[in-house]
Amino acid sequence: MPSYDFACERCGPFVARRALAQFDQPAPCPACGAQSRRALTVPASGPTRRRAAPAEDAGYRRLAHGGACPCCP
């Protein structure tokens, strides 16, 4: 079951797991029980291709220039 983001007018945002057939229906807020509408969010795109690890940890060498020269593979 996918997770959807909702926004309660009283309590704020929350996430609820819903069946695909219920994607457009309001969900009860877990804190106060009020029916809440889905919030517009950016869809998840899966794992990222880059990591935030420092270059030394990844085994890469730092370049002293832009990298658009014959010495840089």
C-alpha atoms as a PDB file:
ATOM      1  CA  MET A   1       0.000   0.000   0.000  1.00  0.00           C
ATOM      2  CA  PRO A   2       1.424   3.417  -0.894  1.00  0.00           C
ATOM      3  CA  SER A   3       1.859   6.263   1.563  1.00  0.00           C
ATOM      4  CA  TYR A   4       0.256   9.636   0.938  1.00  0.00           C
ATOM      5  CA  ASP A   5       0.861  13.024   2.561  1.00  0.00           C
ATOM      6  CA  PHE A   6      -2.117  14.779   4.115  1.00  0.00           C
ATOM      7  CA  ALA A   7      -2.542  18.163   5.805  1.00  0.00           C
ATOM      8  CA  CYS A   8      -4.841  18.611   8.782  1.00  0.00           C
ATOM      9  CA  GLU A   9      -6.036  22.211   9.205  1.00  0.00           C
ATOM     10  CA  ARG A  10      -5.688  21.930  13.000  1.00  0.00           C
ATOM     11  CA  CYS A  11      -2.660  19.672  13.540  1.00  0.00           C
ATOM     12  CA  GLY A  12      -0.536  20.004  10.406  1.00  0.00           C
ATOM     13  CA  PRO A  13       0.950  17.451   8.020  1.00  0.00           C
ATOM     14  CA  PHE A  14       0.870  13.667   8.449  1.00  0.00           C
ATOM     15  CA  VAL A  15       1.436  10.548   6.338  1.00  0.00           C
ATOM     16  CA  ALA A  16      -1.131   7.775   5.904  1.00  0.00           C
ATOM     17  CA  ARG A  17      -0.991   4.453   4.078  1.00  0.00           C
ATOM     18  CA  ARG A  18      -4.002   4.047   1.795  1.00  0.00           C
ATOM     19  CA  ALA A  19      -5.190   1.676  -0.902  1.00  0.00           C
ATOM     20  CA  LEU A  20      -4.790   2.920  -4.476  1.00  0.00           C
ATOM     21  CA  ALA A  21      -8.579   3.094  -4.804  1.00  0.00           C
ATOM     22  CA  GLN A  22      -8.651   5.648  -1.941  1.00  0.00           C
ATOM     23  CA  PHE A  23      -5.898   7.980  -3.207  1.00  0.00           C
ATOM     24  CA  ASP A  24      -8.257  10.935  -3.707  1.00  0.00           C
ATOM     25  CA  GLN A  25     -10.388  10.484  -0.569  1.00  0.00           C
ATOM     26  CA  PRO A  26      -9.809  12.415   2.683  1.00  0.00           C
ATOM     27  CA  ALA A  27      -8.127  10.635   5.596  1.00  0.00           C
ATOM     28  CA  PRO A  28      -8.761  11.071   9.312  1.00  0.00           C
ATOM     29  CA  CYS A  29      -6.038  12.947  11.182  1.00  0.00           C
ATOM     30  CA  PRO A  30      -4.346  10.580  13.677  1.00  0.00           C
ATOM     31  CA  ALA A  31      -4.231  13.329  16.344  1.00  0.00           C
ATOM     32  CA  CYS A  32      -7.726  14.864  16.222  1.00  0.00           C
ATOM     33  CA  GLY A  33      -9.729  12.664  13.826  1.00  0.00           C
ATOM     34  CA  ALA A  34     -10.700  15.503  11.453  1.00  0.00           C
ATOM     35  CA  GLN A  35     -11.027  14.579   7.786  1.00  0.00           C
ATOM     36  CA  SER A  36      -7.956  15.938   5.977  1.00  0.00           C
ATOM     37  CA  ARG A  37      -7.215  16.493   2.304  1.00  0.00           C
ATOM     38  CA  ARG A  38      -4.147  15.196   0.501  1.00  0.00           C
ATOM     39  CA  ALA A  39      -1.201  17.565   0.330  1.00  0.00           C
ATOM     40  CA  LEU A  40       0.564  18.253  -2.950  1.00  0.00           C
ATOM     41  CA  THR A  41       4.097  16.879  -2.781  1.00  0.00           C
ATOM     42  CA  VAL A  42       6.964  15.972  -5.066  1.00  0.00           C
ATOM     43  CA  PRO A  43       6.904  12.268  -5.950  1.00  0.00           C
ATOM     44  CA  ALA A  44       9.744  10.049  -4.783  1.00  0.00           C
ATOM     45  CA  SER A  45      12.205   9.247  -7.542  1.00  0.00           C
ATOM     46  CA  GLY A  46      14.103   6.341  -6.015  1.00  0.00           C
ATOM     47  CA  PRO A  47      17.714   6.160  -4.894  1.00  0.00           C
ATOM     48  CA  THR A  48      20.008   8.970  -5.885  1.00  0.00           C
ATOM     49  CA  ARG A  49      23.047   8.414  -8.068  1.00  0.00           C
ATOM     50  CA  ARG A  50      25.368  10.610  -5.996  1.00  0.00           C
ATOM     51  CA  ARG A  51      26.256  10.381  -2.363  1.00  0.00           C
ATOM     52  CA  ALA A  52      27.244  13.160  -0.013  1.00  0.00           C
ATOM     53  CA  ALA A  53      30.424  11.337   1.082  1.00  0.00           C
ATOM     54  CA  PRO A  54      33.682  13.289   0.789  1.00  0.00           C
ATOM     55  CA  ALA A  55      35.778  12.518  -2.293  1.00  0.00           C
ATOM     56  CA  GLU A  56      38.582  11.019  -0.177  1.00  0.00           C
ATOM     57  CA  ASP A  57      36.203   8.432   1.279  1.00  0.00           C
ATOM     58  CA  ALA A  58      34.954   7.379  -2.151  1.00  0.00           C
ATOM     59  CA  GLY A  59      38.454   6.852  -3.564  1.00  0.00           C
ATOM     60  CA  TYR A  60      38.286   9.729  -6.037  1.00  0.00           C
ATOM     61  CA  ARG A  61      41.046  12.257  -6.569  1.00  0.00           C
ATOM     62  CA  ARG A  62      40.325  15.973  -6.451  1.00  0.00           C
ATOM     63  CA  LEU A  63      40.963  17.996  -9.582  1.00  0.00           C
ATOM     64  CA  ALA A  64      42.671  21.353  -9.444  1.00  0.00           C
ATOM     65  CA  HIS A  65      40.854  22.502 -12.583  1.00  0.00           C
ATOM     66  CA  GLY A  66      37.524  22.117 -14.374  1.00  0.00           C
ATOM     67  CA  GLY A  67      38.131  18.607 -15.707  1.00  0.00           C
ATOM     68  CA  ALA A  68      37.492  19.301 -19.393  1.00  0.00           C
ATOM     69  CA  CYS A  69      41.079  18.591 -20.481  1.00  0.00           C
ATOM     70  CA  PRO A  70      42.916  15.557 -21.910  1.00  0.00           C
ATOM     71  CA  CYS A  71      44.478  14.706 -18.533  1.00  0.00           C
ATOM     72  CA  CYS A  72      41.073  14.057 -16.933  1.00  0.00           C
ATOM     73  CA  PRO A  73      39.308  10.823 -17.871  1.00  0.00           C
END
